[in-house]
Amino acid sequence: MTKKLSAALLLAAATLTVSSALYAEAPTQKPAKPVHGEYKDWPVLGVSHRQEKTSVRAIVGNAVAIKAARSGQITPWPDGTVIAKLK
């Protein structure tokens, strides 16, 4: 009986060791996306057309920028506003 108990305890200890190694927390890595979210999904605030440089650019903003622009509170822009100009 002691041999069966010893074998069961040894098996339980081995299972616990293996399972804890498998579910160990991975080291944290820096996010691959920009800090402010995926700017490619942001709505367009406006368009910039520069004839001397023959370029057209989209001006996009995060949710805070869109809400401020729609309400007309852009002088100054509220905290948390992020605006980007894309080629």
Protein backbone atom coordinates (compact mmCIF):
# COMPACT_ATOMS: atom_id res chain seq x y z
CA MET A 1 0.00 0.00 0.00
CA THR A 2 2.84 2.43 0.76
CA LYS A 3 4.34 1.73 -2.67
CA LYS A 4 1.03 2.67 -4.33
CA LEU A 5 0.75 5.83 -2.21
CA SER A 6 4.35 6.81 -2.95
CA ALA A 7 3.82 6.24 -6.68
CA ALA A 8 0.61 8.29 -6.63
CA LEU A 9 2.31 11.17 -4.80
CA LEU A 10 5.26 11.07 -7.19
CA LEU A 11 2.90 11.09 -10.19
CA ALA A 12 0.92 14.00 -8.73
CA ALA A 13 4.07 16.01 -8.08
CA ALA A 14 5.35 15.37 -11.61
CA THR A 15 1.99 16.37 -13.13
CA LEU A 16 1.89 19.56 -11.06
CA THR A 17 5.44 20.47 -12.08
CA VAL A 18 4.77 19.90 -15.78
CA SER A 19 1.44 21.72 -15.76
CA SER A 20 2.86 24.75 -13.94
CA ALA A 21 5.72 24.92 -16.45
CA LEU A 22 3.28 24.81 -19.36
CA TYR A 23 1.08 27.59 -17.98
CA ALA A 24 3.89 29.81 -16.75
CA GLU A 25 3.38 33.47 -17.55
CA ALA A 26 5.23 34.57 -20.68
CA PRO A 27 7.33 37.73 -20.46
CA THR A 28 5.44 40.83 -21.52
CA GLN A 29 6.40 42.35 -24.84
CA LYS A 30 5.76 45.79 -26.25
CA PRO A 31 2.56 46.06 -28.30
CA ALA A 32 2.98 45.90 -32.06
CA LYS A 33 0.39 48.64 -32.67
CA PRO A 34 0.62 52.31 -31.90
CA VAL A 35 -0.08 53.34 -28.32
CA HIS A 36 -3.22 55.25 -29.30
CA GLY A 37 -4.87 52.35 -31.08
CA GLU A 38 -5.09 51.42 -34.70
CA TYR A 39 -5.14 54.79 -36.48
CA LYS A 40 -6.12 53.17 -39.79
CA ASP A 41 -9.58 52.53 -38.31
CA TRP A 42 -10.10 56.16 -37.21
CA PRO A 43 -12.76 58.27 -38.97
CA VAL A 44 -11.72 61.03 -41.38
CA LEU A 45 -11.84 64.57 -39.98
CA GLY A 46 -10.91 66.27 -43.24
CA VAL A 47 -8.74 66.27 -46.34
CA SER A 48 -5.63 68.34 -47.07
CA HIS A 49 -4.97 69.15 -50.73
CA ARG A 50 -1.61 70.82 -51.41
CA GLN A 51 -1.32 71.81 -55.04
CA GLU A 52 2.29 73.01 -54.84
CA LYS A 53 3.34 69.59 -53.57
CA THR A 54 0.72 67.73 -55.64
CA SER A 55 -0.42 65.72 -52.64
CA VAL A 56 -3.72 64.82 -51.04
CA ARG A 57 -3.75 63.67 -47.42
CA ALA A 58 -6.47 62.42 -45.11
CA ILE A 59 -6.68 63.92 -41.63
CA VAL A 60 -7.96 61.30 -39.17
CA GLY A 61 -8.68 61.45 -35.45
CA ASN A 62 -9.44 59.24 -32.50
CA ALA A 63 -12.85 59.16 -30.79
CA VAL A 64 -12.00 62.18 -28.58
CA ALA A 65 -11.03 64.26 -31.65
CA ILE A 66 -14.20 63.28 -33.54
CA LYS A 67 -16.44 64.17 -30.59
CA ALA A 68 -14.70 67.55 -30.12
CA ALA A 69 -14.88 68.38 -33.84
CA ARG A 70 -18.58 67.55 -34.02
CA SER A 71 -19.35 69.71 -30.97
CA GLY A 72 -17.11 72.56 -32.18
CA GLN A 73 -14.85 72.54 -29.11
CA ILE A 74 -11.51 72.58 -30.90
CA THR A 75 -9.87 75.67 -29.38
CA PRO A 76 -8.05 74.19 -27.54
CA TRP A 77 -8.50 70.54 -28.38
CA PRO A 78 -9.49 68.50 -25.29
CA ASP A 79 -7.02 66.28 -23.44
CA GLY A 80 -6.64 62.87 -25.09
CA THR A 81 -7.14 64.18 -28.63
CA VAL A 82 -4.92 62.50 -31.22
CA ILE A 83 -4.93 63.63 -34.85
CA ALA A 84 -2.90 62.16 -37.72
CA LYS A 85 -2.32 63.16 -41.33
CA LEU A 86 -1.95 60.22 -43.72
CA LYS A 87 -0.55 60.17 -47.24
